[in-house]
Amino acid sequence: RTALHYACVYDQPKMVTLLIKMNSDVNICDDDKSTALIKAVQFQAEECAMILLQSDADPNVMDASGNTALHYAVYSKNTCTAANLLRHKPMIEAKNKVYLDQLYLQLFDIHFF
């Protein structure tokens, strides 16, 4: 993981901003193929997620399980972050490795993470 990933995990928006100003790649993936945006959403660091989205983080990157940031926002019922992600044109029909899309997860309240 990069410093940007850790800044998101620990909900440090000022550090996220600083790292981006220092040219950190907002779309770099860790060993699990997670971006900093995915980590921000997983750890409910909403301000960090917004900063990343405003800095052109790609909401369509899939991690090793095939989940996007929107999958994690829907799974955690984080409507604010989900709404912000939807403003950045995510693939709303993206299916993860078990072929579940965000709507299906929400409708049937499926927990598998």
N, C-alpha and C. Protein backbone atom coordinates (compact mmCIF):
# COMPACT_ATOMS: atom_id res chain seq x y z
N ARG A 1 0.84 -1.19 0.00
CA ARG A 1 0.00 0.00 0.00
C ARG A 1 0.87 1.24 0.00
N THR A 2 0.29 2.29 -0.52
CA THR A 2 1.01 3.56 -0.57
C THR A 2 0.60 4.43 0.61
N ALA A 3 1.31 5.53 0.76
CA ALA A 3 0.96 6.50 1.80
C ALA A 3 -0.46 7.02 1.59
N LEU A 4 -0.86 7.16 0.34
CA LEU A 4 -2.21 7.63 0.04
C LEU A 4 -3.26 6.63 0.51
N HIS A 5 -3.00 5.35 0.32
CA HIS A 5 -3.91 4.32 0.84
C HIS A 5 -4.05 4.45 2.36
N TYR A 6 -2.91 4.57 3.05
CA TYR A 6 -2.95 4.65 4.51
C TYR A 6 -3.63 5.93 4.99
N ALA A 7 -3.42 7.03 4.29
CA ALA A 7 -4.08 8.28 4.67
C ALA A 7 -5.60 8.13 4.59
N CYS A 8 -6.06 7.36 3.63
CA CYS A 8 -7.51 7.12 3.50
C CYS A 8 -8.01 6.15 4.56
N VAL A 9 -7.26 5.11 4.83
CA VAL A 9 -7.65 4.13 5.85
C VAL A 9 -7.80 4.82 7.21
N TYR A 10 -6.89 5.76 7.50
CA TYR A 10 -6.92 6.45 8.79
C TYR A 10 -7.64 7.79 8.73
N ASP A 11 -8.40 8.02 7.65
CA ASP A 11 -9.25 9.20 7.50
C ASP A 11 -8.49 10.50 7.77
N GLN A 12 -7.47 10.73 6.97
CA GLN A 12 -6.63 11.91 7.10
C GLN A 12 -6.73 12.78 5.83
N PRO A 13 -7.82 13.55 5.69
CA PRO A 13 -8.02 14.32 4.46
C PRO A 13 -6.93 15.34 4.17
N LYS A 14 -6.36 15.94 5.20
CA LYS A 14 -5.27 16.91 4.96
C LYS A 14 -4.06 16.21 4.36
N MET A 15 -3.77 15.01 4.83
CA MET A 15 -2.66 14.25 4.29
C MET A 15 -2.96 13.81 2.86
N VAL A 16 -4.20 13.42 2.59
CA VAL A 16 -4.60 13.05 1.23
C VAL A 16 -4.37 14.23 0.29
N THR A 17 -4.80 15.41 0.70
CA THR A 17 -4.61 16.61 -0.11
C THR A 17 -3.13 16.87 -0.36
N LEU A 18 -2.33 16.78 0.69
CA LEU A 18 -0.88 17.01 0.56
C LEU A 18 -0.25 15.99 -0.39
N LEU A 19 -0.58 14.74 -0.23
CA LEU A 19 0.00 13.69 -1.09
C LEU A 19 -0.39 13.89 -2.55
N ILE A 20 -1.62 14.32 -2.79
CA ILE A 20 -2.05 14.58 -4.16
C ILE A 20 -1.29 15.77 -4.73
N LYS A 21 -1.10 16.80 -3.92
CA LYS A 21 -0.31 17.97 -4.37
C LYS A 21 1.12 17.58 -4.68
N MET A 22 1.60 16.52 -4.03
CA MET A 22 2.96 16.05 -4.27
C MET A 22 2.98 15.00 -5.40
N ASN A 23 1.91 14.97 -6.18
CA ASN A 23 1.80 14.12 -7.37
C ASN A 23 1.65 12.63 -7.10
N SER A 24 1.03 12.27 -6.00
CA SER A 24 0.72 10.85 -5.78
C SER A 24 -0.29 10.41 -6.83
N ASP A 25 -0.13 9.21 -7.32
CA ASP A 25 -1.05 8.65 -8.31
C ASP A 25 -2.33 8.22 -7.59
N VAL A 26 -3.44 8.89 -7.89
CA VAL A 26 -4.70 8.60 -7.19
C VAL A 26 -5.31 7.26 -7.61
N ASN A 27 -4.81 6.68 -8.68
CA ASN A 27 -5.38 5.42 -9.18
C ASN A 27 -4.47 4.22 -9.01
N ILE A 28 -3.36 4.38 -8.28
CA ILE A 28 -2.46 3.25 -8.07
C ILE A 28 -3.13 2.21 -7.18
N CYS A 29 -2.89 0.95 -7.48
CA CYS A 29 -3.51 -0.15 -6.73
C CYS A 29 -2.51 -0.82 -5.79
N ASP A 30 -3.01 -1.32 -4.68
CA ASP A 30 -2.18 -2.09 -3.75
C ASP A 30 -2.19 -3.56 -4.19
N ASP A 31 -1.67 -4.43 -3.35
CA ASP A 31 -1.59 -5.85 -3.69
C ASP A 31 -2.96 -6.51 -3.88
N ASP A 32 -4.00 -5.92 -3.28
CA ASP A 32 -5.36 -6.44 -3.43
C ASP A 32 -6.10 -5.75 -4.57
N LYS A 33 -5.35 -4.96 -5.35
CA LYS A 33 -5.89 -4.19 -6.47
C LYS A 33 -6.86 -3.10 -6.01
N SER A 34 -6.75 -2.69 -4.74
CA SER A 34 -7.59 -1.62 -4.21
C SER A 34 -6.91 -0.28 -4.44
N THR A 35 -7.70 0.70 -4.85
CA THR A 35 -7.20 2.07 -4.96
C THR A 35 -7.42 2.77 -3.63
N ALA A 36 -6.86 3.96 -3.52
CA ALA A 36 -7.09 4.77 -2.32
C ALA A 36 -8.58 5.10 -2.18
N LEU A 37 -9.26 5.30 -3.31
CA LEU A 37 -10.71 5.57 -3.27
C LEU A 37 -11.47 4.39 -2.68
N ILE A 38 -11.13 3.20 -3.10
CA ILE A 38 -11.79 2.01 -2.53
C ILE A 38 -11.53 1.95 -1.02
N LYS A 39 -10.30 2.21 -0.60
CA LYS A 39 -9.98 2.20 0.84
C LYS A 39 -10.77 3.27 1.58
N ALA A 40 -10.86 4.47 1.00
CA ALA A 40 -11.60 5.55 1.64
C ALA A 40 -13.06 5.15 1.84
N VAL A 41 -13.64 4.52 0.84
CA VAL A 41 -15.04 4.10 0.95
C VAL A 41 -15.18 2.95 1.95
N GLN A 42 -14.28 1.98 1.90
CA GLN A 42 -14.34 0.86 2.85
C GLN A 42 -14.27 1.34 4.29
N PHE A 43 -13.44 2.36 4.55
CA PHE A 43 -13.25 2.84 5.92
C PHE A 43 -14.08 4.08 6.22
N GLN A 44 -15.05 4.36 5.35
CA GLN A 44 -16.00 5.46 5.52
C GLN A 44 -15.32 6.80 5.76
N ALA A 45 -14.24 7.04 5.04
CA ALA A 45 -13.52 8.32 5.08
C ALA A 45 -14.09 9.19 3.96
N GLU A 46 -15.28 9.74 4.20
CA GLU A 46 -16.04 10.44 3.16
C GLU A 46 -15.30 11.64 2.58
N GLU A 47 -14.66 12.42 3.43
CA GLU A 47 -13.95 13.60 2.93
C GLU A 47 -12.77 13.18 2.06
N CYS A 48 -12.08 12.14 2.45
CA CYS A 48 -10.97 11.62 1.64
C CYS A 48 -11.49 11.15 0.29
N ALA A 49 -12.61 10.47 0.29
CA ALA A 49 -13.20 9.99 -0.97
C ALA A 49 -13.54 11.16 -1.88
N MET A 50 -14.11 12.22 -1.33
CA MET A 50 -14.47 13.39 -2.13
C MET A 50 -13.22 14.05 -2.73
N ILE A 51 -12.18 14.17 -1.93
CA ILE A 51 -10.93 14.77 -2.42
C ILE A 51 -10.39 13.94 -3.58
N LEU A 52 -10.41 12.63 -3.42
CA LEU A 52 -9.91 11.75 -4.48
C LEU A 52 -10.75 11.88 -5.75
N LEU A 53 -12.06 11.91 -5.60
CA LEU A 53 -12.93 12.05 -6.77
C LEU A 53 -12.70 13.38 -7.47
N GLN A 54 -12.52 14.44 -6.69
CA GLN A 54 -12.24 15.76 -7.27
C GLN A 54 -10.87 15.81 -7.94
N SER A 55 -10.03 14.85 -7.61
CA SER A 55 -8.68 14.77 -8.19
C SER A 55 -8.61 13.69 -9.27
N ASP A 56 -9.76 13.35 -9.82
CA ASP A 56 -9.87 12.41 -10.94
C ASP A 56 -9.58 10.96 -10.61
N ALA A 57 -9.84 10.56 -9.38
CA ALA A 57 -9.75 9.13 -9.06
C ALA A 57 -10.82 8.40 -9.86
N ASP A 58 -10.48 7.26 -10.39
CA ASP A 58 -11.40 6.49 -11.22
C ASP A 58 -12.33 5.63 -10.36
N PRO A 59 -13.64 5.93 -10.36
CA PRO A 59 -14.56 5.15 -9.53
C PRO A 59 -14.86 3.76 -10.09
N ASN A 60 -14.35 3.46 -11.27
CA ASN A 60 -14.65 2.19 -11.93
C ASN A 60 -13.59 1.12 -11.75
N VAL A 61 -12.52 1.43 -11.04
CA VAL A 61 -11.48 0.43 -10.80
C VAL A 61 -12.05 -0.67 -9.92
N MET A 62 -11.77 -1.92 -10.29
CA MET A 62 -12.23 -3.07 -9.51
C MET A 62 -11.07 -3.67 -8.74
N ASP A 63 -11.33 -4.04 -7.49
CA ASP A 63 -10.30 -4.69 -6.68
C ASP A 63 -10.20 -6.17 -7.06
N ALA A 64 -9.41 -6.91 -6.32
CA ALA A 64 -9.18 -8.33 -6.63
C ALA A 64 -10.47 -9.16 -6.57
N SER A 65 -11.46 -8.68 -5.84
CA SER A 65 -12.75 -9.39 -5.75
C SER A 65 -13.74 -8.91 -6.80
N GLY A 66 -13.32 -7.95 -7.61
CA GLY A 66 -14.20 -7.41 -8.63
C GLY A 66 -15.12 -6.32 -8.13
N ASN A 67 -14.88 -5.82 -6.93
CA ASN A 67 -15.73 -4.78 -6.36
C ASN A 67 -15.18 -3.39 -6.68
N THR A 68 -16.09 -2.48 -6.97
CA THR A 68 -15.74 -1.08 -7.16
C THR A 68 -16.03 -0.32 -5.86
N ALA A 69 -15.65 0.94 -5.83
CA ALA A 69 -15.96 1.77 -4.67
C ALA A 69 -17.47 1.82 -4.43
N LEU A 70 -18.25 1.83 -5.51
CA LEU A 70 -19.70 1.87 -5.36
C LEU A 70 -20.24 0.59 -4.72
N HIS A 71 -19.67 -0.56 -5.03
CA HIS A 71 -20.07 -1.80 -4.35
C HIS A 71 -19.93 -1.62 -2.84
N TYR A 72 -18.78 -1.11 -2.41
CA TYR A 72 -18.53 -0.96 -0.97
C TYR A 72 -19.44 0.09 -0.34
N ALA A 73 -19.72 1.17 -1.06
CA ALA A 73 -20.61 2.20 -0.53
C ALA A 73 -22.02 1.65 -0.35
N VAL A 74 -22.50 0.89 -1.33
CA VAL A 74 -23.84 0.30 -1.24
C VAL A 74 -23.89 -0.74 -0.13
N TYR A 75 -22.88 -1.60 -0.09
CA TYR A 75 -22.84 -2.64 0.94
C TYR A 75 -22.90 -2.05 2.35
N SER A 76 -22.17 -0.94 2.57
CA SER A 76 -22.14 -0.34 3.90
C SER A 76 -23.28 0.64 4.13
N LYS A 77 -24.18 0.74 3.14
CA LYS A 77 -25.33 1.64 3.22
C LYS A 77 -24.92 3.10 3.42
N ASN A 78 -23.79 3.46 2.84
CA ASN A 78 -23.29 4.82 2.94
C ASN A 78 -23.86 5.63 1.78
N THR A 79 -25.06 6.16 1.99
CA THR A 79 -25.78 6.84 0.91
C THR A 79 -25.10 8.13 0.47
N CYS A 80 -24.46 8.83 1.38
CA CYS A 80 -23.77 10.08 1.02
C CYS A 80 -22.63 9.79 0.05
N THR A 81 -21.80 8.81 0.39
CA THR A 81 -20.68 8.46 -0.48
C THR A 81 -21.18 7.87 -1.79
N ALA A 82 -22.21 7.03 -1.72
CA ALA A 82 -22.78 6.45 -2.95
C ALA A 82 -23.27 7.56 -3.87
N ALA A 83 -23.94 8.56 -3.32
CA ALA A 83 -24.43 9.68 -4.13
C ALA A 83 -23.27 10.44 -4.76
N ASN A 84 -22.21 10.66 -4.00
CA ASN A 84 -21.04 11.35 -4.55
C ASN A 84 -20.38 10.53 -5.65
N LEU A 85 -20.30 9.24 -5.47
CA LEU A 85 -19.74 8.37 -6.50
C LEU A 85 -20.60 8.42 -7.77
N LEU A 86 -21.90 8.43 -7.61
CA LEU A 86 -22.81 8.45 -8.77
C LEU A 86 -22.64 9.72 -9.59
N ARG A 87 -22.20 10.80 -8.98
CA ARG A 87 -21.94 12.05 -9.71
C ARG A 87 -20.70 11.95 -10.60
N HIS A 88 -19.90 10.92 -10.39
CA HIS A 88 -18.65 10.76 -11.15
C HIS A 88 -18.73 9.61 -12.15
N LYS A 89 -19.92 9.30 -12.57
CA LYS A 89 -20.19 8.33 -13.64
C LYS A 89 -19.55 6.95 -13.44
N PRO A 90 -19.88 6.30 -12.33
CA PRO A 90 -19.38 4.93 -12.16
C PRO A 90 -20.17 3.96 -13.04
N MET A 91 -19.60 2.80 -13.24
CA MET A 91 -20.32 1.74 -13.96
C MET A 91 -21.33 1.14 -12.98
N ILE A 92 -22.57 1.58 -13.07
CA ILE A 92 -23.55 1.15 -12.06
C ILE A 92 -23.97 -0.30 -12.24
N GLU A 93 -23.66 -0.90 -13.36
CA GLU A 93 -24.01 -2.30 -13.57
C GLU A 93 -22.81 -3.22 -13.44
N ALA A 94 -21.71 -2.71 -12.89
CA ALA A 94 -20.51 -3.53 -12.72
C ALA A 94 -20.81 -4.68 -11.77
N LYS A 95 -20.43 -5.86 -12.16
CA LYS A 95 -20.65 -7.04 -11.33
C LYS A 95 -19.32 -7.51 -10.76
N ASN A 96 -19.34 -7.91 -9.50
CA ASN A 96 -18.11 -8.40 -8.87
C ASN A 96 -17.88 -9.86 -9.27
N LYS A 97 -16.90 -10.49 -8.65
CA LYS A 97 -16.53 -11.85 -9.06
C LYS A 97 -17.58 -12.91 -8.76
N VAL A 98 -18.55 -12.59 -7.91
CA VAL A 98 -19.65 -13.53 -7.72
C VAL A 98 -20.89 -13.04 -8.47
N TYR A 99 -20.67 -12.13 -9.40
CA TYR A 99 -21.68 -11.64 -10.33
C TYR A 99 -22.85 -10.92 -9.66
N LEU A 100 -22.55 -10.19 -8.64
CA LEU A 100 -23.59 -9.40 -7.99
C LEU A 100 -23.34 -7.93 -8.29
N ASP A 101 -24.39 -7.23 -8.71
CA ASP A 101 -24.23 -5.80 -8.92
C ASP A 101 -24.75 -5.05 -7.69
N GLN A 102 -24.53 -3.73 -7.69
CA GLN A 102 -24.87 -2.93 -6.52
C GLN A 102 -26.35 -3.00 -6.18
N LEU A 103 -27.21 -2.95 -7.18
CA LEU A 103 -28.65 -2.98 -6.92
C LEU A 103 -29.06 -4.30 -6.27
N TYR A 104 -28.53 -5.40 -6.77
CA TYR A 104 -28.84 -6.71 -6.21
C TYR A 104 -28.40 -6.78 -4.75
N LEU A 105 -27.19 -6.26 -4.47
CA LEU A 105 -26.70 -6.25 -3.09
C LEU A 105 -27.66 -5.50 -2.18
N GLN A 106 -28.13 -4.36 -2.66
CA GLN A 106 -29.02 -3.53 -1.85
C GLN A 106 -30.39 -4.18 -1.69
N LEU A 107 -30.94 -4.68 -2.77
CA LEU A 107 -32.29 -5.25 -2.71
C LEU A 107 -32.39 -6.44 -1.76
N PHE A 108 -31.38 -7.28 -1.78
CA PHE A 108 -31.44 -8.50 -0.99
C PHE A 108 -30.57 -8.45 0.26
N ASP A 109 -29.99 -7.27 0.53
CA ASP A 109 -29.19 -7.06 1.74
C ASP A 109 -28.17 -8.18 1.92
N ILE A 110 -27.40 -8.43 0.88
CA ILE A 110 -26.42 -9.52 0.89
C ILE A 110 -25.12 -9.06 1.53
N HIS A 111 -24.59 -9.89 2.42
CA HIS A 111 -23.33 -9.61 3.11
C HIS A 111 -22.33 -10.70 2.79
N PHE A 112 -21.28 -10.35 2.09
CA PHE A 112 -20.26 -11.35 1.80
C PHE A 112 -18.86 -10.80 1.89
N PHE A 113 -18.68 -9.56 2.28
CA PHE A 113 -17.34 -8.96 2.39
C PHE A 113 -16.75 -9.30 3.73
